[in-house]
PDB file of N, CA and C in Angstrom:
ATOM      1  N   MET A   1     108.185 285.588  18.243  1.00  0.00           N
ATOM      2  CA  MET A   1     108.721 283.755  18.343  1.00  0.00           C
ATOM      3  C   MET A   1     107.319 284.045  17.567  1.00  0.00           C
ATOM      4  N   GLU A   2     107.849 283.298  16.486  1.00  0.00           N
ATOM      5  CA  GLU A   2     107.186 282.461  15.050  1.00  0.00           C
ATOM      6  C   GLU A   2     106.621 281.836  15.522  1.00  0.00           C
ATOM      7  N   ARG A   3     105.312 281.307  15.519  1.00  0.00           N
ATOM      8  CA  ARG A   3     104.681 279.959  15.640  1.00  0.00           C
ATOM      9  C   ARG A   3     104.773 279.156  14.353  1.00  0.00           C
ATOM     10  N   GLU A   4     105.068 278.133  14.617  1.00  0.00           N
ATOM     11  CA  GLU A   4     104.978 277.469  12.854  1.00  0.00           C
ATOM     12  C   GLU A   4     103.429 276.241  13.030  1.00  0.00           C
ATOM     13  N   THR A   5     103.254 276.401  12.375  1.00  0.00           N
ATOM     14  CA  THR A   5     102.007 276.380  11.964  1.00  0.00           C
ATOM     15  C   THR A   5     101.317 274.984  10.407  1.00  0.00           C
ATOM     16  N   ASP A   6     101.053 274.027  10.148  1.00  0.00           N
ATOM     17  CA  ASP A   6     100.769 273.195   8.845  1.00  0.00           C
ATOM     18  C   ASP A   6      99.850 274.024   7.917  1.00  0.00           C
ATOM     19  N   THR A   7      99.680 275.560   8.386  1.00  0.00           N
ATOM     20  CA  THR A   7      98.422 276.126   7.106  1.00  0.00           C
ATOM     21  C   THR A   7      99.442 277.636   6.852  1.00  0.00           C
ATOM     22  N   ALA A   8     100.161 278.733   7.324  1.00  0.00           N
ATOM     23  CA  ALA A   8     100.867 279.262   6.538  1.00  0.00           C
ATOM     24  C   ALA A   8     101.229 279.798   8.152  1.00  0.00           C
ATOM     25  N   PRO A   9     102.895 280.813   7.751  1.00  0.00           N
ATOM     26  CA  PRO A   9     103.710 281.462   8.644  1.00  0.00           C
ATOM     27  C   PRO A   9     102.777 282.545   9.670  1.00  0.00           C
ATOM     28  N   ALA A  10     103.559 283.026  10.555  1.00  0.00           N
ATOM     29  CA  ALA A  10     102.984 283.964  11.265  1.00  0.00           C
ATOM     30  C   ALA A  10     102.972 285.438  10.454  1.00  0.00           C
ATOM     31  N   LEU A  11     102.202 286.671  10.218  1.00  0.00           N
ATOM     32  CA  LEU A  11     102.287 287.215   9.638  1.00  0.00           C
ATOM     33  C   LEU A  11     102.004 288.687  10.003  1.00  0.00           C
ATOM     34  N   ALA A  12     102.384 288.876  11.677  1.00  0.00           N
ATOM     35  CA  ALA A  12     102.587 289.875  12.001  1.00  0.00           C
ATOM     36  C   ALA A  12     103.726 290.745  11.764  1.00  0.00           C
ATOM     37  N   GLY A  13     104.269 292.092  11.010  1.00  0.00           N
ATOM     38  CA  GLY A  13     105.482 292.308  11.265  1.00  0.00           C
ATOM     39  C   GLY A  13     106.204 291.902   9.983  1.00  0.00           C
ATOM     40  N   LEU A  14     105.048 291.501   9.041  1.00  0.00           N
ATOM     41  CA  LEU A  14     105.866 290.553   7.737  1.00  0.00           C
ATOM     42  C   LEU A  14     106.117 291.804   6.755  1.00  0.00           C
ATOM     43  N   THR A  15     105.496 293.317   6.518  1.00  0.00           N
ATOM     44  CA  THR A  15     105.342 293.686   5.561  1.00  0.00           C
ATOM     45  C   THR A  15     106.453 294.767   6.068  1.00  0.00           C
ATOM     46  N   GLY A  16     107.163 294.909   5.032  1.00  0.00           N
ATOM     47  CA  GLY A  16     108.682 295.752   5.014  1.00  0.00           C
ATOM     48  C   GLY A  16     109.800 295.433   5.053  1.00  0.00           C
ATOM     49  N   ASN A  17     109.760 293.790   5.269  1.00  0.00           N
ATOM     50  CA  ASN A  17     111.200 292.692   5.495  1.00  0.00           C
ATOM     51  C   ASN A  17     111.304 292.280   4.665  1.00  0.00           C
ATOM     52  N   ASP A  18     112.722 291.295   4.366  1.00  0.00           N
ATOM     53  CA  ASP A  18     112.481 290.673   3.404  1.00  0.00           C
ATOM     54  C   ASP A  18     112.412 289.292   4.008  1.00  0.00           C
ATOM     55  N   VAL A  19     112.030 288.561   2.899  1.00  0.00           N
ATOM     56  CA  VAL A  19     111.412 287.411   2.996  1.00  0.00           C
ATOM     57  C   VAL A  19     112.026 286.672   2.095  1.00  0.00           C
ATOM     58  N   ALA A  20     113.026 284.803   2.542  1.00  0.00           N
ATOM     59  CA  ALA A  20     113.814 284.210   1.789  1.00  0.00           C
ATOM     60  C   ALA A  20     112.516 283.176   1.094  1.00  0.00           C
ATOM     61  N   LEU A  21     113.509 283.346   0.138  1.00  0.00           N
ATOM     62  CA  LEU A  21     111.970 282.349  -0.901  1.00  0.00           C
ATOM     63  C   LEU A  21     113.072 280.521  -1.543  1.00  0.00           C
ATOM     64  N   GLN A  22     112.250 279.915  -1.479  1.00  0.00           N
ATOM     65  CA  GLN A  22     113.042 278.589  -2.344  1.00  0.00           C
ATOM     66  C   GLN A  22     114.469 278.440  -2.903  1.00  0.00           C
ATOM     67  N   ALA A  23     114.221 279.694  -4.166  1.00  0.00           N
ATOM     68  CA  ALA A  23     114.768 279.610  -5.174  1.00  0.00           C
ATOM     69  C   ALA A  23     116.272 279.857  -4.891  1.00  0.00           C
ATOM     70  N   GLY A  24     116.413 280.601  -3.094  1.00  0.00           N
ATOM     71  CA  GLY A  24     117.376 281.350  -2.722  1.00  0.00           C
ATOM     72  C   GLY A  24     117.360 282.391  -2.901  1.00  0.00           C
ATOM     73  N   ASN A  25     116.712 283.317  -3.798  1.00  0.00           N
ATOM     74  CA  ASN A  25     116.933 284.789  -3.537  1.00  0.00           C
ATOM     75  C   ASN A  25     115.431 284.978  -2.153  1.00  0.00           C
ATOM     76  N   SER A  26     116.191 286.546  -2.341  1.00  0.00           N
ATOM     77  CA  SER A  26     115.034 286.807  -1.526  1.00  0.00           C
ATOM     78  C   SER A  26     114.238 288.128  -2.155  1.00  0.00           C
ATOM     79  N   VAL A  27     113.187 288.283  -1.339  1.00  0.00           N
ATOM     80  CA  VAL A  27     112.359 289.603  -1.821  1.00  0.00           C
ATOM     81  C   VAL A  27     111.920 290.373  -0.660  1.00  0.00           C
ATOM     82  N   THR A  28     111.635 291.804  -0.905  1.00  0.00           N
ATOM     83  CA  THR A  28     110.826 292.176   0.378  1.00  0.00           C
ATOM     84  C   THR A  28     108.996 292.217   0.005  1.00  0.00           C
ATOM     85  N   ALA A  29     108.505 292.038   1.033  1.00  0.00           N
ATOM     86  CA  ALA A  29     107.210 291.968   1.715  1.00  0.00           C
ATOM     87  C   ALA A  29     106.521 292.801   1.313  1.00  0.00           C
ATOM     88  N   ASN A  30     106.034 293.473   0.193  1.00  0.00           N
ATOM     89  CA  ASN A  30     105.186 294.570   0.664  1.00  0.00           C
ATOM     90  C   ASN A  30     103.651 294.464  -0.425  1.00  0.00           C
ATOM     91  N   GLU A  31     103.521 295.169  -0.038  1.00  0.00           N
ATOM     92  CA  GLU A  31     101.693 294.934  -0.454  1.00  0.00           C
ATOM     93  C   GLU A  31     101.632 294.121  -2.481  1.00  0.00           C
ATOM     94  N   THR A  32     102.199 294.757  -3.072  1.00  0.00           N
ATOM     95  CA  THR A  32     102.179 293.721  -4.814  1.00  0.00           C
ATOM     96  C   THR A  32     103.024 292.370  -4.581  1.00  0.00           C
ATOM     97  N   TYR A  33     104.048 291.898  -2.860  1.00  0.00           N
ATOM     98  CA  TYR A  33     103.985 291.123  -2.870  1.00  0.00           C
ATOM     99  C   TYR A  33     103.320 290.354  -2.407  1.00  0.00           C
ATOM    100  N   ILE A  34     103.011 290.420  -1.110  1.00  0.00           N
ATOM    101  CA  ILE A  34     101.278 289.411  -0.826  1.00  0.00           C
ATOM    102  C   ILE A  34     100.524 289.246  -1.730  1.00  0.00           C
ATOM    103  N   ARG A  35      99.847 290.466  -2.464  1.00  0.00           N
ATOM    104  CA  ARG A  35      98.979 290.115  -3.715  1.00  0.00           C
ATOM    105  C   ARG A  35      99.577 289.047  -4.857  1.00  0.00           C
ATOM    106  N   GLU A  36     100.150 289.028  -4.869  1.00  0.00           N
ATOM    107  CA  GLU A  36     100.786 288.106  -6.153  1.00  0.00           C
ATOM    108  C   GLU A  36     100.973 286.752  -5.344  1.00  0.00           C
ATOM    109  N   SER A  37     100.957 287.106  -4.073  1.00  0.00           N
ATOM    110  CA  SER A  37     101.692 285.499  -3.611  1.00  0.00           C
ATOM    111  C   SER A  37     100.315 284.398  -3.292  1.00  0.00           C
ATOM    112  N   ALA A  38      99.070 285.524  -3.381  1.00  0.00           N
ATOM    113  CA  ALA A  38      97.591 284.749  -3.520  1.00  0.00           C
ATOM    114  C   ALA A  38      96.686 285.073  -4.056  1.00  0.00           C
ATOM    115  N   ILE A  39      97.107 285.716  -5.261  1.00  0.00           N
ATOM    116  CA  ILE A  39      96.799 285.211  -6.951  1.00  0.00           C
ATOM    117  C   ILE A  39      97.967 283.683  -7.143  1.00  0.00           C
ATOM    118  N   LYS A  40      98.646 283.520  -7.081  1.00  0.00           N
ATOM    119  CA  LYS A  40      99.702 282.716  -7.695  1.00  0.00           C
ATOM    120  C   LYS A  40     100.889 282.204  -6.680  1.00  0.00           C
ATOM    121  N   PRO A  41     100.074 281.004  -5.989  1.00  0.00           N
ATOM    122  CA  PRO A  41     100.970 280.888  -4.826  1.00  0.00           C
ATOM    123  C   PRO A  41     102.043 280.033  -5.172  1.00  0.00           C
ATOM    124  N   ASP A  42     102.111 279.412  -5.854  1.00  0.00           N
ATOM    125  CA  ASP A  42     103.216 279.036  -6.070  1.00  0.00           C
ATOM    126  C   ASP A  42     104.473 279.670  -7.160  1.00  0.00           C
ATOM    127  N   ALA A  43     103.975 280.796  -7.435  1.00  0.00           N
ATOM    128  CA  ALA A  43     105.313 281.933  -7.898  1.00  0.00           C
ATOM    129  C   ALA A  43     106.330 281.833  -7.066  1.00  0.00           C
ATOM    130  N   LYS A  44     106.183 282.548  -6.234  1.00  0.00           N
ATOM    131  CA  LYS A  44     107.632 282.645  -5.137  1.00  0.00           C
ATOM    132  C   LYS A  44     106.801 281.640  -3.558  1.00  0.00           C
ATOM    133  N   VAL A  45     107.841 280.773  -3.185  1.00  0.00           N
ATOM    134  CA  VAL A  45     107.396 279.906  -2.222  1.00  0.00           C
ATOM    135  C   VAL A  45     108.664 280.408  -0.882  1.00  0.00           C
ATOM    136  N   VAL A  46     107.813 280.641   0.568  1.00  0.00           N
ATOM    137  CA  VAL A  46     108.973 281.196   1.320  1.00  0.00           C
ATOM    138  C   VAL A  46     109.546 279.787   1.720  1.00  0.00           C
ATOM    139  N   GLU A  47     110.720 280.230   1.864  1.00  0.00           N
ATOM    140  CA  GLU A  47     111.877 279.004   2.533  1.00  0.00           C
ATOM    141  C   GLU A  47     111.245 277.955   3.788  1.00  0.00           C
ATOM    142  N   ARG A  48     111.107 276.748   3.746  1.00  0.00           N
ATOM    143  CA  ARG A  48     110.841 276.034   4.862  1.00  0.00           C
ATOM    144  C   ARG A  48     108.946 276.236   4.883  1.00  0.00           C
ATOM    145  N   ARG A  49     108.299 276.144   4.081  1.00  0.00           N
ATOM    146  CA  ARG A  49     107.063 276.410   3.883  1.00  0.00           C
ATOM    147  C   ARG A  49     106.691 275.484   2.704  1.00  0.00           C
ATOM    148  N   SER A  50     106.041 274.351   2.698  1.00  0.00           N
ATOM    149  CA  SER A  50     105.281 273.595   1.574  1.00  0.00           C
ATOM    150  C   SER A  50     104.922 274.247   0.807  1.00  0.00           C
ATOM    151  N   ASN A  51     104.287 274.259  -0.365  1.00  0.00           N
ATOM    152  CA  ASN A  51     102.878 275.179  -1.015  1.00  0.00           C
ATOM    153  C   ASN A  51     102.096 274.427  -1.449  1.00  0.00           C
ATOM    154  N   PHE A  52     101.623 275.303  -0.052  1.00  0.00           N
ATOM    155  CA  PHE A  52      99.876 273.870   0.526  1.00  0.00           C
ATOM    156  C   PHE A  52      98.872 274.699  -0.549  1.00  0.00           C
ATOM    157  N   MET A  53      99.092 276.011  -0.756  1.00  0.00           N
ATOM    158  CA  MET A  53      97.873 276.293  -2.221  1.00  0.00           C
ATOM    159  C   MET A  53      98.074 276.399  -3.873  1.00  0.00           C
ATOM    160  N   ALA A  54      99.081 275.501  -4.039  1.00  0.00           N
ATOM    161  CA  ALA A  54      99.554 274.820  -5.152  1.00  0.00           C
ATOM    162  C   ALA A  54      98.714 274.750  -6.342  1.00  0.00           C
ATOM    163  N   ASN A  55      97.416 274.116  -5.719  1.00  0.00           N
ATOM    164  CA  ASN A  55      96.135 273.621  -6.685  1.00  0.00           C
ATOM    165  C   ASN A  55      94.816 274.747  -6.550  1.00  0.00           C
ATOM    166  N   TRP A  56      95.394 275.592  -5.861  1.00  0.00           N
ATOM    167  CA  TRP A  56      94.036 276.976  -5.505  1.00  0.00           C
ATOM    168  C   TRP A  56      94.301 277.841  -6.334  1.00  0.00           C
ATOM    169  N   VAL A  57      93.941 278.472  -7.113  1.00  0.00           N
ATOM    170  CA  VAL A  57      93.924 279.266  -8.106  1.00  0.00           C
ATOM    171  C   VAL A  57      92.859 280.455  -8.268  1.00  0.00           C
ATOM    172  N   PHE A  58      92.970 282.112  -7.988  1.00  0.00           N
ATOM    173  CA  PHE A  58      92.126 283.064  -7.747  1.00  0.00           C
ATOM    174  C   PHE A  58      91.094 283.321  -8.713  1.00  0.00           C
ATOM    175  N   SER A  59      90.486 283.281  -8.764  1.00  0.00           N
ATOM    176  CA  SER A  59      89.911 284.154 -10.157  1.00  0.00           C
ATOM    177  C   SER A  59      88.585 285.050  -9.236  1.00  0.00           C
ATOM    178  N   GLY A  60      88.125 286.205 -10.797  1.00  0.00           N
ATOM    179  CA  GLY A  60      87.356 286.363 -10.338  1.00  0.00           C
ATOM    180  C   GLY A  60      85.495 286.334 -10.388  1.00  0.00           C
ATOM    181  N   GLU A  61      85.596 285.496  -9.931  1.00  0.00           N
ATOM    182  CA  GLU A  61      84.254 284.709 -10.085  1.00  0.00           C
ATOM    183  C   GLU A  61      83.379 284.447  -7.949  1.00  0.00           C
ATOM    184  N   HIS A  62      82.599 284.854  -8.157  1.00  0.00           N
ATOM    185  CA  HIS A  62      82.009 285.009  -6.644  1.00  0.00           C
ATOM    186  C   HIS A  62      80.473 284.286  -6.778  1.00  0.00           C
ATOM    187  N   TYR A  63      80.079 284.507  -5.819  1.00  0.00           N
ATOM    188  CA  TYR A  63      79.013 283.226  -5.958  1.00  0.00           C
ATOM    189  C   TYR A  63      77.593 284.401  -6.479  1.00  0.00           C
ATOM    190  N   ILE A  64      77.870 285.175  -6.954  1.00  0.00           N
ATOM    191  CA  ILE A  64      76.713 285.767  -7.405  1.00  0.00           C
ATOM    192  C   ILE A  64      77.189 285.469  -9.468  1.00  0.00           C
ATOM    193  N   ASN A  65      77.740 285.666 -10.001  1.00  0.00           N
ATOM    194  CA  ASN A  65      78.072 285.717 -11.511  1.00  0.00           C
ATOM    195  C   ASN A  65      78.397 284.354 -11.701  1.00  0.00           C
ATOM    196  N   ILE A  66      79.007 283.057 -10.736  1.00  0.00           N
ATOM    197  CA  ILE A  66      79.966 281.858 -11.451  1.00  0.00           C
ATOM    198  C   ILE A  66      78.720 281.192 -12.540  1.00  0.00           C
ATOM    199  N   ASN A  67      77.835 281.284 -11.632  1.00  0.00           N
ATOM    200  CA  ASN A  67      76.734 280.443 -12.799  1.00  0.00           C
ATOM    201  C   ASN A  67      75.180 281.004 -12.823  1.00  0.00           C
ATOM    202  N   TYR A  68      74.837 281.856 -13.932  1.00  0.00           N
ATOM    203  CA  TYR A  68      74.452 283.210 -13.718  1.00  0.00           C
ATOM    204  C   TYR A  68      72.826 282.906 -14.365  1.00  0.00           C
ATOM    205  N   ARG A  69      72.822 281.271 -14.869  1.00  0.00           N
ATOM    206  CA  ARG A  69      71.158 280.978 -15.100  1.00  0.00           C
ATOM    207  C   ARG A  69      70.366 280.536 -14.315  1.00  0.00           C
ATOM    208  N   ILE A  70      68.874 280.685 -14.326  1.00  0.00           N
ATOM    209  CA  ILE A  70      68.321 280.967 -13.990  1.00  0.00           C
ATOM    210  C   ILE A  70      68.050 279.424 -12.879  1.00  0.00           C
ATOM    211  N   ARG A  71      68.230 278.554 -13.693  1.00  0.00           N
ATOM    212  CA  ARG A  71      67.959 277.153 -12.782  1.00  0.00           C
ATOM    213  C   ARG A  71      68.892 277.014 -11.667  1.00  0.00           C
ATOM    214  N   SER A  72      70.543 278.136 -12.158  1.00  0.00           N
ATOM    215  CA  SER A  72      70.879 277.758 -10.509  1.00  0.00           C
ATOM    216  C   SER A  72      70.777 277.922  -9.635  1.00  0.00           C
ATOM    217  N   TRP A  73      70.354 278.728  -9.822  1.00  0.00           N
ATOM    218  CA  TRP A  73      69.502 280.061  -8.676  1.00  0.00           C
ATOM    219  C   TRP A  73      68.456 279.621  -8.199  1.00  0.00           C
ATOM    220  N   LEU A  74      67.372 278.446  -8.862  1.00  0.00           N
ATOM    221  CA  LEU A  74      66.724 278.121  -7.994  1.00  0.00           C
ATOM    222  C   LEU A  74      66.913 277.144  -7.789  1.00  0.00           C
ATOM    223  N   LEU A  75      67.393 276.122  -7.860  1.00  0.00           N
ATOM    224  CA  LEU A  75      67.886 274.832  -7.233  1.00  0.00           C
ATOM    225  C   LEU A  75      69.585 274.968  -6.489  1.00  0.00           C
ATOM    226  N   THR A  76      69.757 275.872  -5.908  1.00  0.00           N
ATOM    227  CA  THR A  76      71.263 275.842  -5.615  1.00  0.00           C
ATOM    228  C   THR A  76      70.403 275.665  -3.556  1.00  0.00           C
ATOM    229  N   PHE A  77      72.312 275.818  -3.304  1.00  0.00           N
ATOM    230  CA  PHE A  77      71.819 274.903  -1.799  1.00  0.00           C
ATOM    231  C   PHE A  77      73.335 276.151  -1.330  1.00  0.00           C
ATOM    232  N   ASP A  78      73.958 277.162  -2.273  1.00  0.00           N
ATOM    233  CA  ASP A  78      74.537 277.635  -1.229  1.00  0.00           C
ATOM    234  C   ASP A  78      73.330 279.224  -0.634  1.00  0.00           C
ATOM    235  N   GLN A  79      74.176 278.936   0.352  1.00  0.00           N
ATOM    236  CA  GLN A  79      73.000 279.749   1.297  1.00  0.00           C
ATOM    237  C   GLN A  79      73.035 281.498   1.075  1.00  0.00           C
ATOM    238  N   LYS A  80      73.397 282.012   0.122  1.00  0.00           N
ATOM    239  CA  LYS A  80      74.037 283.284   0.363  1.00  0.00           C
ATOM    240  C   LYS A  80      73.095 283.524  -0.743  1.00  0.00           C
ATOM    241  N   ARG A  81      72.287 282.698  -2.157  1.00  0.00           N
ATOM    242  CA  ARG A  81      71.819 282.994  -3.039  1.00  0.00           C
ATOM    243  C   ARG A  81      70.388 282.932  -2.193  1.00  0.00           C
ATOM    244  N   ILE A  82      70.462 281.422  -1.520  1.00  0.00           N
ATOM    245  CA  ILE A  82      69.277 281.706  -1.279  1.00  0.00           C
ATOM    246  C   ILE A  82      68.773 282.828  -0.286  1.00  0.00           C
ATOM    247  N   VAL A  83      69.765 283.538   0.635  1.00  0.00           N
ATOM    248  CA  VAL A  83      69.049 284.223   1.479  1.00  0.00           C
ATOM    249  C   VAL A  83      68.693 285.285   0.472  1.00  0.00           C
ATOM    250  N   LEU A  84      69.481 285.613  -0.937  1.00  0.00           N
ATOM    251  CA  LEU A  84      69.076 286.912  -2.050  1.00  0.00           C
ATOM    252  C   LEU A  84      67.692 286.142  -2.169  1.00  0.00           C
ATOM    253  N   LEU A  85      67.119 285.314  -2.744  1.00  0.00           N
ATOM    254  CA  LEU A  85      66.147 285.145  -2.979  1.00  0.00           C
ATOM    255  C   LEU A  85      64.916 285.276  -2.345  1.00  0.00           C
ATOM    256  N   TYR A  86      65.702 285.071  -1.176  1.00  0.00           N
ATOM    257  CA  TYR A  86      64.437 285.184   0.219  1.00  0.00           C
ATOM    258  C   TYR A  86      64.023 286.410   0.116  1.00  0.00           C
ATOM    259  N   LEU A  87      65.032 287.466  -0.077  1.00  0.00           N
ATOM    260  CA  LEU A  87      64.886 288.960   0.922  1.00  0.00           C
ATOM    261  C   LEU A  87      63.885 289.229  -1.218  1.00  0.00           C
ATOM    262  N   VAL A  88      64.224 288.604  -2.022  1.00  0.00           N
ATOM    263  CA  VAL A  88      63.722 289.471  -3.060  1.00  0.00           C
ATOM    264  C   VAL A  88      61.846 288.903  -3.284  1.00  0.00           C
ATOM    265  N   SER A  89      61.998 287.091  -2.545  1.00  0.00           N
ATOM    266  CA  SER A  89      60.550 287.028  -2.693  1.00  0.00           C
ATOM    267  C   SER A  89      59.441 287.972  -1.907  1.00  0.00           C
ATOM    268  N   ILE A  90      60.318 288.597  -0.345  1.00  0.00           N
ATOM    269  CA  ILE A  90      59.654 288.771   0.312  1.00  0.00           C
ATOM    270  C   ILE A  90      59.404 290.170  -0.223  1.00  0.00           C
ATOM    271  N   SER A  91      60.053 291.056  -0.762  1.00  0.00           N
ATOM    272  CA  SER A  91      60.330 292.122  -1.213  1.00  0.00           C
ATOM    273  C   SER A  91      58.796 292.029  -2.527  1.00  0.00           C
ATOM    274  N   LEU A  92      58.997 291.545  -3.355  1.00  0.00           N
ATOM    275  CA  LEU A  92      58.068 290.840  -4.315  1.00  0.00           C
ATOM    276  C   LEU A  92      56.432 290.675  -3.658  1.00  0.00           C
ATOM    277  N   PHE A  93      55.748 290.062  -2.611  1.00  0.00           N
ATOM    278  CA  PHE A  93      54.690 289.904  -2.292  1.00  0.00           C
ATOM    279  C   PHE A  93      54.491 290.692  -1.397  1.00  0.00           C
ATOM    280  N   PHE A  94      55.239 291.217  -0.432  1.00  0.00           N
ATOM    281  CA  PHE A  94      54.853 292.657  -0.091  1.00  0.00           C
ATOM    282  C   PHE A  94      53.920 294.007  -0.437  1.00  0.00           C
ATOM    283  N   TYR A  95      55.008 294.165  -1.423  1.00  0.00           N
ATOM    284  CA  TYR A  95      54.177 295.152  -2.401  1.00  0.00           C
ATOM    285  C   TYR A  95      53.516 294.176  -3.380  1.00  0.00           C
ATOM    286  N   LEU A  96      53.475 292.861  -3.862  1.00  0.00           N
ATOM    287  CA  LEU A  96      52.005 292.848  -3.928  1.00  0.00           C
ATOM    288  C   LEU A  96      50.901 292.371  -3.821  1.00  0.00           C
ATOM    289  N   GLY A  97      51.095 292.257  -2.079  1.00  0.00           N
ATOM    290  CA  GLY A  97      50.089 292.540  -1.491  1.00  0.00           C
ATOM    291  C   GLY A  97      49.472 294.046  -0.954  1.00  0.00           C
ATOM    292  N   GLY A  98      50.539 294.706  -0.846  1.00  0.00           N
ATOM    293  CA  GLY A  98      49.897 296.284  -0.997  1.00  0.00           C
ATOM    294  C   GLY A  98      49.309 296.588  -2.531  1.00  0.00           C
ATOM    295  N   ALA A  99      49.591 296.027  -3.969  1.00  0.00           N
ATOM    296  CA  ALA A  99      48.745 296.861  -4.631  1.00  0.00           C
ATOM    297  C   ALA A  99      47.517 295.633  -4.527  1.00  0.00           C
ATOM    298  N   PHE A 100      47.582 294.522  -4.314  1.00  0.00           N
ATOM    299  CA  PHE A 100      45.663 294.554  -4.017  1.00  0.00           C
ATOM    300  C   PHE A 100      44.894 294.755  -2.840  1.00  0.00           C
ATOM    301  N   ALA A 101      45.672 295.349  -1.339  1.00  0.00           N
ATOM    302  CA  ALA A 101      45.593 295.955  -0.344  1.00  0.00           C
ATOM    303  C   ALA A 101      44.474 297.655  -1.112  1.00  0.00           C
ATOM    304  N   VAL A 102      45.080 298.392  -2.259  1.00  0.00           N
ATOM    305  CA  VAL A 102      44.585 299.011  -2.428  1.00  0.00           C
ATOM    306  C   VAL A 102      43.387 299.448  -2.894  1.00  0.00           C
ATOM    307  N   PRO A 103      42.967 298.317  -4.040  1.00  0.00           N
ATOM    308  CA  PRO A 103      40.991 298.272  -4.594  1.00  0.00           C
ATOM    309  C   PRO A 103      40.448 298.396  -3.116  1.00  0.00           C
ATOM    310  N   ILE A 104      41.052 296.872  -1.949  1.00  0.00           N
ATOM    311  CA  ILE A 104      39.902 297.142  -1.712  1.00  0.00           C
ATOM    312  C   ILE A 104      39.525 297.729  -0.493  1.00  0.00           C
ATOM    313  N   ARG A 105      41.083 298.808  -0.193  1.00  0.00           N
ATOM    314  CA  ARG A 105      40.765 299.741   0.656  1.00  0.00           C
ATOM    315  C   ARG A 105      39.909 301.319   0.479  1.00  0.00           C
ATOM    316  N   LEU A 106      39.985 300.860  -0.961  1.00  0.00           N
ATOM    317  CA  LEU A 106      38.919 301.955  -2.149  1.00  0.00           C
ATOM    318  C   LEU A 106      37.792 301.718  -2.144  1.00  0.00           C
ATOM    319  N   GLU A 107      37.292 299.945  -2.078  1.00  0.00           N
ATOM    320  CA  GLU A 107      35.680 300.022  -2.359  1.00  0.00           C
ATOM    321  C   GLU A 107      35.772 300.382  -0.367  1.00  0.00           C
ATOM    322  N   LEU A 108      36.241 299.625   0.601  1.00  0.00           N
ATOM    323  CA  LEU A 108      35.808 300.384   1.664  1.00  0.00           C
ATOM    324  C   LEU A 108      35.499 301.822   2.028  1.00  0.00           C
ATOM    325  N   LEU A 109      35.560 302.703   1.142  1.00  0.00           N
ATOM    326  CA  LEU A 109      35.451 304.232   1.508  1.00  0.00           C
ATOM    327  C   LEU A 109      34.319 304.438   0.673  1.00  0.00           C
ATOM    328  N   THR A 110      34.093 303.666  -0.579  1.00  0.00           N
ATOM    329  CA  THR A 110      33.422 303.829  -0.760  1.00  0.00           C
ATOM    330  C   THR A 110      31.744 303.364  -0.767  1.00  0.00           C
ATOM    331  N   PRO A 111      30.855 303.313  -1.907  1.00  0.00           N
ATOM    332  CA  PRO A 111      29.454 303.133  -1.898  1.00  0.00           C
ATOM    333  C   PRO A 111      29.592 301.380  -1.737  1.00  0.00           C
ATOM    334  N   GLN A 112      28.787 300.086  -1.046  1.00  0.00           N
ATOM    335  CA  GLN A 112      28.596 299.019  -1.524  1.00  0.00           C
ATOM    336  C   GLN A 112      28.350 298.708  -3.338  1.00  0.00           C
ATOM    337  N   ASP A 113      29.474 298.159  -3.624  1.00  0.00           N
ATOM    338  CA  ASP A 113      30.005 297.663  -4.633  1.00  0.00           C
ATOM    339  C   ASP A 113      29.911 298.522  -6.051  1.00  0.00           C
ATOM    340  N   ASP A 114      30.493 299.839  -5.765  1.00  0.00           N
ATOM    341  CA  ASP A 114      31.121 300.125  -6.540  1.00  0.00           C
ATOM    342  C   ASP A 114      32.111 300.176  -7.200  1.00  0.00           C
ATOM    343  N   LEU A 115      33.077 299.617  -7.000  1.00  0.00           N
ATOM    344  CA  LEU A 115      34.748 299.954  -7.659  1.00  0.00           C
ATOM    345  C   LEU A 115      34.950 297.934  -7.479  1.00  0.00           C
ATOM    346  N   VAL A 116      34.232 297.511  -6.571  1.00  0.00           N
ATOM    347  CA  VAL A 116      34.689 296.147  -7.027  1.00  0.00           C
ATOM    348  C   VAL A 116      33.407 295.237  -6.987  1.00  0.00           C
ATOM    349  N   GLU A 117      33.254 293.780  -7.848  1.00  0.00           N
ATOM    350  CA  GLU A 117      31.806 293.851  -7.180  1.00  0.00           C
ATOM    351  C   GLU A 117      32.688 292.311  -7.453  1.00  0.00           C
ATOM    352  N   ALA A 118      31.353 291.503  -6.559  1.00  0.00           N
ATOM    353  CA  ALA A 118      31.883 289.973  -5.875  1.00  0.00           C
ATOM    354  C   ALA A 118      30.921 289.044  -7.175  1.00  0.00           C
TER     355      ALA A 118
END
């Protein structure tokens, strides 16, 4: 039994079946049809469904390449960008701290004031 919702029809068992369209014709629901429906939701609207996704347009842009200037990265509220910035800064400071620790450790191995002078 198909459960009617306001958002989308049930997709269980949809692949391979004929789907009635609002235009009066029908189409077989295969991978190509499903992909086209995701990219162009107003192209083939299923009968009994309003076109609730008509204003949504698929694009190849995502959170990394949508606006790639440095200012957009530093002033972002996007949690995925913030996590990436956090990981980059942690890695940077980890290696920077390691680079500063090497001369200190070398100084401790040698006589006083041999490598680093105060």
